[in-house]
Amino acid sequence: YVYTDPVTYDGGYDNVDRDFKVRGVEVEA
């Protein structure tokens, strides 16, 4: 949800241009 006006909270859903990366490690025994 991308705010066009942070005061009135106007905005809408959009595909953002930015990419996000998650990394991790899992160990089991």
mmCIF file of all heavy atoms, coordinates in Angstrom:
data_MODEL
# 
_entry.id   MODEL 
# 
loop_
_atom_site.group_PDB 
_atom_site.id 
_atom_site.type_symbol 
_atom_site.label_atom_id 
_atom_site.label_alt_id 
_atom_site.label_comp_id 
_atom_site.label_asym_id 
_atom_site.label_entity_id 
_atom_site.label_seq_id 
_atom_site.pdbx_PDB_ins_code 
_atom_site.Cartn_x 
_atom_site.Cartn_y 
_atom_site.Cartn_z 
_atom_site.occupancy 
_atom_site.B_iso_or_equiv 
_atom_site.pdbx_formal_charge 
_atom_site.auth_seq_id 
_atom_site.auth_comp_id 
_atom_site.auth_asym_id 
_atom_site.auth_atom_id 
_atom_site.pdbx_PDB_model_num 
ATOM 1   N N   . TYR A 1 1  ? 0.873  -1.179  0.000   1.00 0.00 ? 1  TYR A N   1 
ATOM 2   C CA  . TYR A 1 1  ? 0.000  0.000   0.000   1.00 0.00 ? 1  TYR A CA  1 
ATOM 3   C C   . TYR A 1 1  ? 0.904  1.222   0.000   1.00 0.00 ? 1  TYR A C   1 
ATOM 4   O O   . TYR A 1 1  ? 1.671  1.450   0.944   1.00 0.00 ? 1  TYR A O   1 
ATOM 5   C CB  . TYR A 1 1  ? -0.921 0.011   1.213   1.00 0.00 ? 1  TYR A CB  1 
ATOM 6   C CG  . TYR A 1 1  ? -2.058 1.004   1.100   1.00 0.00 ? 1  TYR A CG  1 
ATOM 7   C CD1 . TYR A 1 1  ? -3.296 0.608   0.588   1.00 0.00 ? 1  TYR A CD1 1 
ATOM 8   C CD2 . TYR A 1 1  ? -1.897 2.326   1.472   1.00 0.00 ? 1  TYR A CD2 1 
ATOM 9   C CE1 . TYR A 1 1  ? -4.347 1.507   0.463   1.00 0.00 ? 1  TYR A CE1 1 
ATOM 10  C CE2 . TYR A 1 1  ? -2.933 3.238   1.356   1.00 0.00 ? 1  TYR A CE2 1 
ATOM 11  C CZ  . TYR A 1 1  ? -4.154 2.823   0.849   1.00 0.00 ? 1  TYR A CZ  1 
ATOM 12  O OH  . TYR A 1 1  ? -5.191 3.724   0.722   1.00 0.00 ? 1  TYR A OH  1 
ATOM 13  N N   . VAL A 1 2  ? 0.852  1.993   -1.056  1.00 0.00 ? 2  VAL A N   1 
ATOM 14  C CA  . VAL A 1 2  ? 1.731  3.142   -1.242  1.00 0.00 ? 2  VAL A CA  1 
ATOM 15  C C   . VAL A 1 2  ? 0.943  4.414   -0.947  1.00 0.00 ? 2  VAL A C   1 
ATOM 16  O O   . VAL A 1 2  ? -0.079 4.699   -1.592  1.00 0.00 ? 2  VAL A O   1 
ATOM 17  C CB  . VAL A 1 2  ? 2.291  3.187   -2.675  1.00 0.00 ? 2  VAL A CB  1 
ATOM 18  C CG1 . VAL A 1 2  ? 3.204  4.399   -2.852  1.00 0.00 ? 2  VAL A CG1 1 
ATOM 19  C CG2 . VAL A 1 2  ? 3.041  1.896   -2.994  1.00 0.00 ? 2  VAL A CG2 1 
ATOM 20  N N   . TYR A 1 3  ? 1.403  5.177   0.041   1.00 0.00 ? 3  TYR A N   1 
ATOM 21  C CA  . TYR A 1 3  ? 0.731  6.419   0.425   1.00 0.00 ? 3  TYR A CA  1 
ATOM 22  C C   . TYR A 1 3  ? 1.139  7.553   -0.500  1.00 0.00 ? 3  TYR A C   1 
ATOM 23  O O   . TYR A 1 3  ? 2.325  7.853   -0.659  1.00 0.00 ? 3  TYR A O   1 
ATOM 24  C CB  . TYR A 1 3  ? 1.054  6.790   1.872   1.00 0.00 ? 3  TYR A CB  1 
ATOM 25  C CG  . TYR A 1 3  ? 0.476  5.831   2.886   1.00 0.00 ? 3  TYR A CG  1 
ATOM 26  C CD1 . TYR A 1 3  ? 1.277  4.872   3.499   1.00 0.00 ? 3  TYR A CD1 1 
ATOM 27  C CD2 . TYR A 1 3  ? -0.873 5.877   3.219   1.00 0.00 ? 3  TYR A CD2 1 
ATOM 28  C CE1 . TYR A 1 3  ? 0.752  3.980   4.429   1.00 0.00 ? 3  TYR A CE1 1 
ATOM 29  C CE2 . TYR A 1 3  ? -1.409 4.997   4.147   1.00 0.00 ? 3  TYR A CE2 1 
ATOM 30  C CZ  . TYR A 1 3  ? -0.598 4.056   4.746   1.00 0.00 ? 3  TYR A CZ  1 
ATOM 31  O OH  . TYR A 1 3  ? -1.123 3.175   5.652   1.00 0.00 ? 3  TYR A OH  1 
ATOM 32  N N   . THR A 1 4  ? 0.150  8.213   -1.088  1.00 0.00 ? 4  THR A N   1 
ATOM 33  C CA  . THR A 1 4  ? 0.427  9.412   -1.877  1.00 0.00 ? 4  THR A CA  1 
ATOM 34  C C   . THR A 1 4  ? 0.387  10.660  -1.006  1.00 0.00 ? 4  THR A C   1 
ATOM 35  O O   . THR A 1 4  ? 0.961  11.689  -1.361  1.00 0.00 ? 4  THR A O   1 
ATOM 36  C CB  . THR A 1 4  ? -0.598 9.549   -3.014  1.00 0.00 ? 4  THR A CB  1 
ATOM 37  O OG1 . THR A 1 4  ? -1.925 9.549   -2.465  1.00 0.00 ? 4  THR A OG1 1 
ATOM 38  C CG2 . THR A 1 4  ? -0.460 8.383   -3.993  1.00 0.00 ? 4  THR A CG2 1 
ATOM 39  N N   . ASP A 1 5  ? -0.313 10.564  0.131   1.00 0.00 ? 5  ASP A N   1 
ATOM 40  C CA  . ASP A 1 5  ? -0.374 11.670  1.085   1.00 0.00 ? 5  ASP A CA  1 
ATOM 41  C C   . ASP A 1 5  ? -0.313 11.074  2.492   1.00 0.00 ? 5  ASP A C   1 
ATOM 42  O O   . ASP A 1 5  ? -1.307 10.529  2.982   1.00 0.00 ? 5  ASP A O   1 
ATOM 43  C CB  . ASP A 1 5  ? -1.674 12.463  0.910   1.00 0.00 ? 5  ASP A CB  1 
ATOM 44  C CG  . ASP A 1 5  ? -1.691 13.740  1.755   1.00 0.00 ? 5  ASP A CG  1 
ATOM 45  O OD1 . ASP A 1 5  ? -1.015 13.775  2.807   1.00 0.00 ? 5  ASP A OD1 1 
ATOM 46  O OD2 . ASP A 1 5  ? -2.384 14.702  1.354   1.00 0.00 ? 5  ASP A OD2 1 
ATOM 47  N N   . PRO A 1 6  ? 0.857  11.152  3.161   1.00 0.00 ? 6  PRO A N   1 
ATOM 48  C CA  . PRO A 1 6  ? 0.997  10.536  4.483   1.00 0.00 ? 6  PRO A CA  1 
ATOM 49  C C   . PRO A 1 6  ? 0.154  11.204  5.560   1.00 0.00 ? 6  PRO A C   1 
ATOM 50  O O   . PRO A 1 6  ? -0.010 10.640  6.645   1.00 0.00 ? 6  PRO A O   1 
ATOM 51  C CB  . PRO A 1 6  ? 2.494  10.696  4.773   1.00 0.00 ? 6  PRO A CB  1 
ATOM 52  C CG  . PRO A 1 6  ? 2.939  11.842  3.920   1.00 0.00 ? 6  PRO A CG  1 
ATOM 53  C CD  . PRO A 1 6  ? 2.091  11.799  2.694   1.00 0.00 ? 6  PRO A CD  1 
ATOM 54  N N   . VAL A 1 7  ? -0.379 12.374  5.295   1.00 0.00 ? 7  VAL A N   1 
ATOM 55  C CA  . VAL A 1 7  ? -1.208 13.076  6.281   1.00 0.00 ? 7  VAL A CA  1 
ATOM 56  C C   . VAL A 1 7  ? -2.645 12.548  6.230   1.00 0.00 ? 7  VAL A C   1 
ATOM 57  O O   . VAL A 1 7  ? -3.248 12.225  7.251   1.00 0.00 ? 7  VAL A O   1 
ATOM 58  C CB  . VAL A 1 7  ? -1.167 14.598  6.048   1.00 0.00 ? 7  VAL A CB  1 
ATOM 59  C CG1 . VAL A 1 7  ? -2.104 15.308  7.040   1.00 0.00 ? 7  VAL A CG1 1 
ATOM 60  C CG2 . VAL A 1 7  ? 0.254  15.121  6.182   1.00 0.00 ? 7  VAL A CG2 1 
ATOM 61  N N   . THR A 1 8  ? -3.193 12.451  5.041   1.00 0.00 ? 8  THR A N   1 
ATOM 62  C CA  . THR A 1 8  ? -4.571 11.994  4.892   1.00 0.00 ? 8  THR A CA  1 
ATOM 63  C C   . THR A 1 8  ? -4.661 10.488  4.670   1.00 0.00 ? 8  THR A C   1 
ATOM 64  O O   . THR A 1 8  ? -5.763 9.936   4.613   1.00 0.00 ? 8  THR A O   1 
ATOM 65  C CB  . THR A 1 8  ? -5.233 12.706  3.701   1.00 0.00 ? 8  THR A CB  1 
ATOM 66  O OG1 . THR A 1 8  ? -4.520 12.352  2.498   1.00 0.00 ? 8  THR A OG1 1 
ATOM 67  C CG2 . THR A 1 8  ? -5.207 14.205  3.889   1.00 0.00 ? 8  THR A CG2 1 
ATOM 68  N N   . TYR A 1 9  ? -3.489 9.827   4.520   1.00 0.00 ? 9  TYR A N   1 
ATOM 69  C CA  . TYR A 1 9  ? -3.402 8.386   4.265   1.00 0.00 ? 9  TYR A CA  1 
ATOM 70  C C   . TYR A 1 9  ? -4.010 7.984   2.924   1.00 0.00 ? 9  TYR A C   1 
ATOM 71  O O   . TYR A 1 9  ? -4.376 6.828   2.723   1.00 0.00 ? 9  TYR A O   1 
ATOM 72  C CB  . TYR A 1 9  ? -4.064 7.578   5.397   1.00 0.00 ? 9  TYR A CB  1 
ATOM 73  C CG  . TYR A 1 9  ? -3.428 7.835   6.740   1.00 0.00 ? 9  TYR A CG  1 
ATOM 74  C CD1 . TYR A 1 9  ? -4.138 8.485   7.744   1.00 0.00 ? 9  TYR A CD1 1 
ATOM 75  C CD2 . TYR A 1 9  ? -2.119 7.428   7.001   1.00 0.00 ? 9  TYR A CD2 1 
ATOM 76  C CE1 . TYR A 1 9  ? -3.545 8.736   8.980   1.00 0.00 ? 9  TYR A CE1 1 
ATOM 77  C CE2 . TYR A 1 9  ? -1.531 7.671   8.231   1.00 0.00 ? 9  TYR A CE2 1 
ATOM 78  C CZ  . TYR A 1 9  ? -2.249 8.320   9.217   1.00 0.00 ? 9  TYR A CZ  1 
ATOM 79  O OH  . TYR A 1 9  ? -1.678 8.570   10.429  1.00 0.00 ? 9  TYR A OH  1 
ATOM 80  N N   . ASP A 1 10 ? -4.106 8.943   2.000   1.00 0.00 ? 10 ASP A N   1 
ATOM 81  C CA  . ASP A 1 10 ? -4.554 8.605   0.653   1.00 0.00 ? 10 ASP A CA  1 
ATOM 82  C C   . ASP A 1 10 ? -3.466 7.786   -0.039  1.00 0.00 ? 10 ASP A C   1 
ATOM 83  O O   . ASP A 1 10 ? -2.276 7.966   0.183   1.00 0.00 ? 10 ASP A O   1 
ATOM 84  C CB  . ASP A 1 10 ? -4.832 9.876   -0.154  1.00 0.00 ? 10 ASP A CB  1 
ATOM 85  C CG  . ASP A 1 10 ? -6.087 10.593  0.321   1.00 0.00 ? 10 ASP A CG  1 
ATOM 86  O OD1 . ASP A 1 10 ? -6.933 9.930   0.945   1.00 0.00 ? 10 ASP A OD1 1 
ATOM 87  O OD2 . ASP A 1 10 ? -6.206 11.812  0.079   1.00 0.00 ? 10 ASP A OD2 1 
ATOM 88  N N   . GLY A 1 11 ? -3.887 6.889   -0.899  1.00 0.00 ? 11 GLY A N   1 
ATOM 89  C CA  . GLY A 1 11 ? -2.935 6.060   -1.629  1.00 0.00 ? 11 GLY A CA  1 
ATOM 90  C C   . GLY A 1 11 ? -3.625 4.840   -2.189  1.00 0.00 ? 11 GLY A C   1 
ATOM 91  O O   . GLY A 1 11 ? -4.854 4.809   -2.336  1.00 0.00 ? 11 GLY A O   1 
ATOM 92  N N   . GLY A 1 12 ? -2.833 3.821   -2.490  1.00 0.00 ? 12 GLY A N   1 
ATOM 93  C CA  . GLY A 1 12 ? -3.407 2.602   -3.041  1.00 0.00 ? 12 GLY A CA  1 
ATOM 94  C C   . GLY A 1 12 ? -2.365 1.514   -3.189  1.00 0.00 ? 12 GLY A C   1 
ATOM 95  O O   . GLY A 1 12 ? -1.160 1.731   -2.986  1.00 0.00 ? 12 GLY A O   1 
ATOM 96  N N   . TYR A 1 13 ? -2.824 0.330   -3.547  1.00 0.00 ? 13 TYR A N   1 
ATOM 97  C CA  . TYR A 1 13 ? -1.921 -0.796  -3.741  1.00 0.00 ? 13 TYR A CA  1 
ATOM 98  C C   . TYR A 1 13 ? -1.199 -0.669  -5.079  1.00 0.00 ? 13 TYR A C   1 
ATOM 99  O O   . TYR A 1 13 ? -1.782 -0.247  -6.088  1.00 0.00 ? 13 TYR A O   1 
ATOM 100 C CB  . TYR A 1 13 ? -2.705 -2.111  -3.691  1.00 0.00 ? 13 TYR A CB  1 
ATOM 101 C CG  . TYR A 1 13 ? -3.203 -2.449  -2.317  1.00 0.00 ? 13 TYR A CG  1 
ATOM 102 C CD1 . TYR A 1 13 ? -4.522 -2.184  -1.943  1.00 0.00 ? 13 TYR A CD1 1 
ATOM 103 C CD2 . TYR A 1 13 ? -2.352 -3.022  -1.370  1.00 0.00 ? 13 TYR A CD2 1 
ATOM 104 C CE1 . TYR A 1 13 ? -4.981 -2.492  -0.670  1.00 0.00 ? 13 TYR A CE1 1 
ATOM 105 C CE2 . TYR A 1 13 ? -2.799 -3.325  -0.095  1.00 0.00 ? 13 TYR A CE2 1 
ATOM 106 C CZ  . TYR A 1 13 ? -4.114 -3.055  0.248   1.00 0.00 ? 13 TYR A CZ  1 
ATOM 107 O OH  . TYR A 1 13 ? -4.563 -3.348  1.510   1.00 0.00 ? 13 TYR A OH  1 
ATOM 108 N N   . ASP A 1 14 ? 0.101  -1.041  -5.066  1.00 0.00 ? 14 ASP A N   1 
ATOM 109 C CA  . ASP A 1 14 ? 0.893  -0.953  -6.278  1.00 0.00 ? 14 ASP A CA  1 
ATOM 110 C C   . ASP A 1 14 ? 2.051  -1.938  -6.189  1.00 0.00 ? 14 ASP A C   1 
ATOM 111 O O   . ASP A 1 14 ? 2.448  -2.362  -5.093  1.00 0.00 ? 14 ASP A O   1 
ATOM 112 C CB  . ASP A 1 14 ? 1.433  0.469   -6.464  1.00 0.00 ? 14 ASP A CB  1 
ATOM 113 C CG  . ASP A 1 14 ? 1.733  0.783   -7.929  1.00 0.00 ? 14 ASP A CG  1 
ATOM 114 O OD1 . ASP A 1 14 ? 1.661  -0.147  -8.761  1.00 0.00 ? 14 ASP A OD1 1 
ATOM 115 O OD2 . ASP A 1 14 ? 2.034  1.949   -8.227  1.00 0.00 ? 14 ASP A OD2 1 
ATOM 116 N N   . ASN A 1 15 ? 2.582  -2.327  -7.349  1.00 0.00 ? 15 ASN A N   1 
ATOM 117 C CA  . ASN A 1 15 ? 3.825  -3.105  -7.392  1.00 0.00 ? 15 ASN A CA  1 
ATOM 118 C C   . ASN A 1 15 ? 4.990  -2.144  -7.242  1.00 0.00 ? 15 ASN A C   1 
ATOM 119 O O   . ASN A 1 15 ? 5.209  -1.291  -8.106  1.00 0.00 ? 15 ASN A O   1 
ATOM 120 C CB  . ASN A 1 15 ? 3.952  -3.853  -8.717  1.00 0.00 ? 15 ASN A CB  1 
ATOM 121 C CG  . ASN A 1 15 ? 2.881  -4.908  -8.922  1.00 0.00 ? 15 ASN A CG  1 
ATOM 122 O OD1 . ASN A 1 15 ? 1.907  -4.701  -9.636  1.00 0.00 ? 15 ASN A OD1 1 
ATOM 123 N ND2 . ASN A 1 15 ? 3.082  -6.065  -8.306  1.00 0.00 ? 15 ASN A ND2 1 
ATOM 124 N N   . VAL A 1 16 ? 5.705  -2.240  -6.144  1.00 0.00 ? 16 VAL A N   1 
ATOM 125 C CA  . VAL A 1 16 ? 6.807  -1.314  -5.893  1.00 0.00 ? 16 VAL A CA  1 
ATOM 126 C C   . VAL A 1 16 ? 8.005  -1.695  -6.754  1.00 0.00 ? 16 VAL A C   1 
ATOM 127 O O   . VAL A 1 16 ? 8.212  -2.864  -7.100  1.00 0.00 ? 16 VAL A O   1 
ATOM 128 C CB  . VAL A 1 16 ? 7.190  -1.280  -4.404  1.00 0.00 ? 16 VAL A CB  1 
ATOM 129 C CG1 . VAL A 1 16 ? 6.009  -0.848  -3.568  1.00 0.00 ? 16 VAL A CG1 1 
ATOM 130 C CG2 . VAL A 1 16 ? 7.702  -2.629  -3.942  1.00 0.00 ? 16 VAL A CG2 1 
ATOM 131 N N   . ASP A 1 17 ? 8.820  -0.701  -7.114  1.00 0.00 ? 17 ASP A N   1 
ATOM 132 C CA  . ASP A 1 17 ? 9.984  -0.922  -7.978  1.00 0.00 ? 17 ASP A CA  1 
ATOM 133 C C   . ASP A 1 17 ? 11.116 -1.627  -7.244  1.00 0.00 ? 17 ASP A C   1 
ATOM 134 O O   . ASP A 1 17 ? 11.946 -2.286  -7.864  1.00 0.00 ? 17 ASP A O   1 
ATOM 135 C CB  . ASP A 1 17 ? 10.491 0.418   -8.526  1.00 0.00 ? 17 ASP A CB  1 
ATOM 136 C CG  . ASP A 1 17 ? 9.487  1.069   -9.462  1.00 0.00 ? 17 ASP A CG  1 
ATOM 137 O OD1 . ASP A 1 17 ? 8.727  0.315   -10.103 1.00 0.00 ? 17 ASP A OD1 1 
ATOM 138 O OD2 . ASP A 1 17 ? 9.452  2.308   -9.545  1.00 0.00 ? 17 ASP A OD2 1 
ATOM 139 N N   . ARG A 1 18 ? 11.137 -1.493  -5.951  1.00 0.00 ? 18 ARG A N   1 
ATOM 140 C CA  . ARG A 1 18 ? 12.262 -2.003  -5.173  1.00 0.00 ? 18 ARG A CA  1 
ATOM 141 C C   . ARG A 1 18 ? 12.161 -3.515  -4.975  1.00 0.00 ? 18 ARG A C   1 
ATOM 142 O O   . ARG A 1 18 ? 11.088 -4.065  -4.764  1.00 0.00 ? 18 ARG A O   1 
ATOM 143 C CB  . ARG A 1 18 ? 12.275 -1.303  -3.818  1.00 0.00 ? 18 ARG A CB  1 
ATOM 144 C CG  . ARG A 1 18 ? 13.446 -1.652  -2.927  1.00 0.00 ? 18 ARG A CG  1 
ATOM 145 C CD  . ARG A 1 18 ? 13.321 -0.891  -1.620  1.00 0.00 ? 18 ARG A CD  1 
ATOM 146 N NE  . ARG A 1 18 ? 14.364 -1.276  -0.686  1.00 0.00 ? 18 ARG A NE  1 
ATOM 147 C CZ  . ARG A 1 18 ? 14.394 -0.866  0.585   1.00 0.00 ? 18 ARG A CZ  1 
ATOM 148 N NH1 . ARG A 1 18 ? 13.454 -0.073  1.035   1.00 0.00 ? 18 ARG A NH1 1 
ATOM 149 N NH2 . ARG A 1 18 ? 15.368 -1.260  1.382   1.00 0.00 ? 18 ARG A NH2 1 
ATOM 150 N N   . ASP A 1 19 ? 13.322 -4.203  -5.059  1.00 0.00 ? 19 ASP A N   1 
ATOM 151 C CA  . ASP A 1 19 ? 13.397 -5.627  -4.746  1.00 0.00 ? 19 ASP A CA  1 
ATOM 152 C C   . ASP A 1 19 ? 13.875 -5.817  -3.311  1.00 0.00 ? 19 ASP A C   1 
ATOM 153 O O   . ASP A 1 19 ? 14.567 -4.958  -2.755  1.00 0.00 ? 19 ASP A O   1 
ATOM 154 C CB  . ASP A 1 19 ? 14.360 -6.351  -5.693  1.00 0.00 ? 19 ASP A CB  1 
ATOM 155 C CG  . ASP A 1 19 ? 13.882 -6.324  -7.131  1.00 0.00 ? 19 ASP A CG  1 
ATOM 156 O OD1 . ASP A 1 19 ? 12.683 -6.075  -7.353  1.00 0.00 ? 19 ASP A OD1 1 
ATOM 157 O OD2 . ASP A 1 19 ? 14.717 -6.546  -8.037  1.00 0.00 ? 19 ASP A OD2 1 
ATOM 158 N N   . PHE A 1 20 ? 13.515 -6.945  -2.715  1.00 0.00 ? 20 PHE A N   1 
ATOM 159 C CA  . PHE A 1 20 ? 13.914 -7.251  -1.347  1.00 0.00 ? 20 PHE A CA  1 
ATOM 160 C C   . PHE A 1 20 ? 14.582 -8.623  -1.321  1.00 0.00 ? 20 PHE A C   1 
ATOM 161 O O   . PHE A 1 20 ? 14.162 -9.547  -2.025  1.00 0.00 ? 20 PHE A O   1 
ATOM 162 C CB  . PHE A 1 20 ? 12.699 -7.250  -0.409  1.00 0.00 ? 20 PHE A CB  1 
ATOM 163 C CG  . PHE A 1 20 ? 11.951 -5.950  -0.385  1.00 0.00 ? 20 PHE A CG  1 
ATOM 164 C CD1 . PHE A 1 20 ? 10.850 -5.756  -1.209  1.00 0.00 ? 20 PHE A CD1 1 
ATOM 165 C CD2 . PHE A 1 20 ? 12.354 -4.918  0.444   1.00 0.00 ? 20 PHE A CD2 1 
ATOM 166 C CE1 . PHE A 1 20 ? 10.156 -4.560  -1.195  1.00 0.00 ? 20 PHE A CE1 1 
ATOM 167 C CE2 . PHE A 1 20 ? 11.665 -3.713  0.470   1.00 0.00 ? 20 PHE A CE2 1 
ATOM 168 C CZ  . PHE A 1 20 ? 10.556 -3.531  -0.354  1.00 0.00 ? 20 PHE A CZ  1 
ATOM 169 N N   . LYS A 1 21 ? 15.603 -8.744  -0.483  1.00 0.00 ? 21 LYS A N   1 
ATOM 170 C CA  . LYS A 1 21 ? 16.329 -10.003 -0.384  1.00 0.00 ? 21 LYS A CA  1 
ATOM 171 C C   . LYS A 1 21 ? 16.311 -10.500 1.052   1.00 0.00 ? 21 LYS A C   1 
ATOM 172 O O   . LYS A 1 21 ? 16.551 -9.749  1.993   1.00 0.00 ? 21 LYS A O   1 
ATOM 173 C CB  . LYS A 1 21 ? 17.769 -9.837  -0.861  1.00 0.00 ? 21 LYS A CB  1 
ATOM 174 C CG  . LYS A 1 21 ? 18.570 -11.147 -0.872  1.00 0.00 ? 21 LYS A CG  1 
ATOM 175 C CD  . LYS A 1 21 ? 19.983 -10.937 -1.391  1.00 0.00 ? 21 LYS A CD  1 
ATOM 176 C CE  . LYS A 1 21 ? 19.970 -10.682 -2.888  1.00 0.00 ? 21 LYS A CE  1 
ATOM 177 N NZ  . LYS A 1 21 ? 21.353 -10.624 -3.432  1.00 0.00 ? 21 LYS A NZ  1 
ATOM 178 N N   . VAL A 1 22 ? 16.002 -11.790 1.209   1.00 0.00 ? 22 VAL A N   1 
ATOM 179 C CA  . VAL A 1 22 ? 16.007 -12.450 2.511   1.00 0.00 ? 22 VAL A CA  1 
ATOM 180 C C   . VAL A 1 22 ? 16.989 -13.615 2.440   1.00 0.00 ? 22 VAL A C   1 
ATOM 181 O O   . VAL A 1 22 ? 17.031 -14.332 1.440   1.00 0.00 ? 22 VAL A O   1 
ATOM 182 C CB  . VAL A 1 22 ? 14.604 -12.983 2.883   1.00 0.00 ? 22 VAL A CB  1 
ATOM 183 C CG1 . VAL A 1 22 ? 14.602 -13.568 4.290   1.00 0.00 ? 22 VAL A CG1 1 
ATOM 184 C CG2 . VAL A 1 22 ? 13.557 -11.890 2.752   1.00 0.00 ? 22 VAL A CG2 1 
ATOM 185 N N   . ARG A 1 23 ? 17.762 -13.800 3.485   1.00 0.00 ? 23 ARG A N   1 
ATOM 186 C CA  . ARG A 1 23 ? 18.681 -14.939 3.541   1.00 0.00 ? 23 ARG A CA  1 
ATOM 187 C C   . ARG A 1 23 ? 18.608 -15.568 4.922   1.00 0.00 ? 23 ARG A C   1 
ATOM 188 O O   . ARG A 1 23 ? 18.191 -14.919 5.894   1.00 0.00 ? 23 ARG A O   1 
ATOM 189 C CB  . ARG A 1 23 ? 20.113 -14.497 3.238   1.00 0.00 ? 23 ARG A CB  1 
ATOM 190 C CG  . ARG A 1 23 ? 20.676 -13.494 4.239   1.00 0.00 ? 23 ARG A CG  1 
ATOM 191 C CD  . ARG A 1 23 ? 22.164 -13.249 3.982   1.00 0.00 ? 23 ARG A CD  1 
ATOM 192 N NE  . ARG A 1 23 ? 22.356 -12.677 2.660   1.00 0.00 ? 23 ARG A NE  1 
ATOM 193 C CZ  . ARG A 1 23 ? 22.352 -11.369 2.406   1.00 0.00 ? 23 ARG A CZ  1 
ATOM 194 N NH1 . ARG A 1 23 ? 22.128 -10.520 3.398   1.00 0.00 ? 23 ARG A NH1 1 
ATOM 195 N NH2 . ARG A 1 23 ? 22.538 -10.909 1.203   1.00 0.00 ? 23 ARG A NH2 1 
ATOM 196 N N   . GLY A 1 24 ? 19.048 -16.817 4.990   1.00 0.00 ? 24 GLY A N   1 
ATOM 197 C CA  . GLY A 1 24 ? 19.019 -17.467 6.293   1.00 0.00 ? 24 GLY A CA  1 
ATOM 198 C C   . GLY A 1 24 ? 19.685 -18.824 6.273   1.00 0.00 ? 24 GLY A C   1 
ATOM 199 O O   . GLY A 1 24 ? 20.072 -19.353 5.228   1.00 0.00 ? 24 GLY A O   1 
ATOM 200 N N   . VAL A 1 25 ? 19.775 -19.397 7.463   1.00 0.00 ? 25 VAL A N   1 
ATOM 201 C CA  . VAL A 1 25 ? 20.372 -20.712 7.674   1.00 0.00 ? 25 VAL A CA  1 
ATOM 202 C C   . VAL A 1 25 ? 19.445 -21.509 8.573   1.00 0.00 ? 25 VAL A C   1 
ATOM 203 O O   . VAL A 1 25 ? 18.898 -20.973 9.543   1.00 0.00 ? 25 VAL A O   1 
ATOM 204 C CB  . VAL A 1 25 ? 21.770 -20.606 8.311   1.00 0.00 ? 25 VAL A CB  1 
ATOM 205 C CG1 . VAL A 1 25 ? 22.322 -21.988 8.651   1.00 0.00 ? 25 VAL A CG1 1 
ATOM 206 C CG2 . VAL A 1 25 ? 22.727 -19.860 7.395   1.00 0.00 ? 25 VAL A CG2 1 
ATOM 207 N N   . GLU A 1 26 ? 19.265 -22.789 8.244   1.00 0.00 ? 26 GLU A N   1 
ATOM 208 C CA  . GLU A 1 26 ? 18.481 -23.701 9.080   1.00 0.00 ? 26 GLU A CA  1 
ATOM 209 C C   . GLU A 1 26 ? 19.323 -24.925 9.402   1.00 0.00 ? 26 GLU A C   1 
ATOM 210 O O   . GLU A 1 26 ? 19.961 -25.503 8.519   1.00 0.00 ? 26 GLU A O   1 
ATOM 211 C CB  . GLU A 1 26 ? 17.201 -24.127 8.356   1.00 0.00 ? 26 GLU A CB  1 
ATOM 212 C CG  . GLU A 1 26 ? 16.238 -22.982 8.091   1.00 0.00 ? 26 GLU A CG  1 
ATOM 213 C CD  . GLU A 1 26 ? 15.096 -23.358 7.174   1.00 0.00 ? 26 GLU A CD  1 
ATOM 214 O OE1 . GLU A 1 26 ? 14.989 -24.552 6.803   1.00 0.00 ? 26 GLU A OE1 1 
ATOM 215 O OE2 . GLU A 1 26 ? 14.312 -22.455 6.819   1.00 0.00 ? 26 GLU A OE2 1 
ATOM 216 N N   . VAL A 1 27 ? 19.320 -25.298 10.668  1.00 0.00 ? 27 VAL A N   1 
ATOM 217 C CA  . VAL A 1 27 ? 20.075 -26.469 11.127  1.00 0.00 ? 27 VAL A CA  1 
ATOM 218 C C   . VAL A 1 27 ? 19.115 -27.362 11.908  1.00 0.00 ? 27 VAL A C   1 
ATOM 219 O O   . VAL A 1 27 ? 18.346 -26.874 12.745  1.00 0.00 ? 27 VAL A O   1 
ATOM 220 C CB  . VAL A 1 27 ? 21.262 -26.064 12.026  1.00 0.00 ? 27 VAL A CB  1 
ATOM 221 C CG1 . VAL A 1 27 ? 22.024 -27.302 12.495  1.00 0.00 ? 27 VAL A CG1 1 
ATOM 222 C CG2 . VAL A 1 27 ? 22.195 -25.104 11.290  1.00 0.00 ? 27 VAL A CG2 1 
ATOM 223 N N   . GLU A 1 28 ? 19.146 -28.664 11.622  1.00 0.00 ? 28 GLU A N   1 
ATOM 224 C CA  . GLU A 1 28 ? 18.278 -29.616 12.304  1.00 0.00 ? 28 GLU A CA  1 
ATOM 225 C C   . GLU A 1 28 ? 19.081 -30.842 12.722  1.00 0.00 ? 28 GLU A C   1 
ATOM 226 O O   . GLU A 1 28 ? 20.017 -31.238 12.026  1.00 0.00 ? 28 GLU A O   1 
ATOM 227 C CB  . GLU A 1 28 ? 17.129 -30.063 11.392  1.00 0.00 ? 28 GLU A CB  1 
ATOM 228 C CG  . GLU A 1 28 ? 16.217 -28.945 10.939  1.00 0.00 ? 28 GLU A CG  1 
ATOM 229 C CD  . GLU A 1 28 ? 15.185 -29.429 9.942   1.00 0.00 ? 28 GLU A CD  1 
ATOM 230 O OE1 . GLU A 1 28 ? 15.076 -30.655 9.764   1.00 0.00 ? 28 GLU A OE1 1 
ATOM 231 O OE2 . GLU A 1 28 ? 14.505 -28.588 9.337   1.00 0.00 ? 28 GLU A OE2 1 
ATOM 232 N N   . ALA A 1 29 ? 18.710 -31.426 13.858  1.00 0.00 ? 29 ALA A N   1 
ATOM 233 C CA  . ALA A 1 29 ? 19.330 -32.665 14.323  1.00 0.00 ? 29 ALA A CA  1 
ATOM 234 C C   . ALA A 1 29 ? 18.288 -33.506 15.031  1.00 0.00 ? 29 ALA A C   1 
ATOM 235 O O   . ALA A 1 29 ? 17.497 -32.990 15.831  1.00 0.00 ? 29 ALA A O   1 
ATOM 236 C CB  . ALA A 1 29 ? 20.491 -32.364 15.264  1.00 0.00 ? 29 ALA A CB  1 
# 
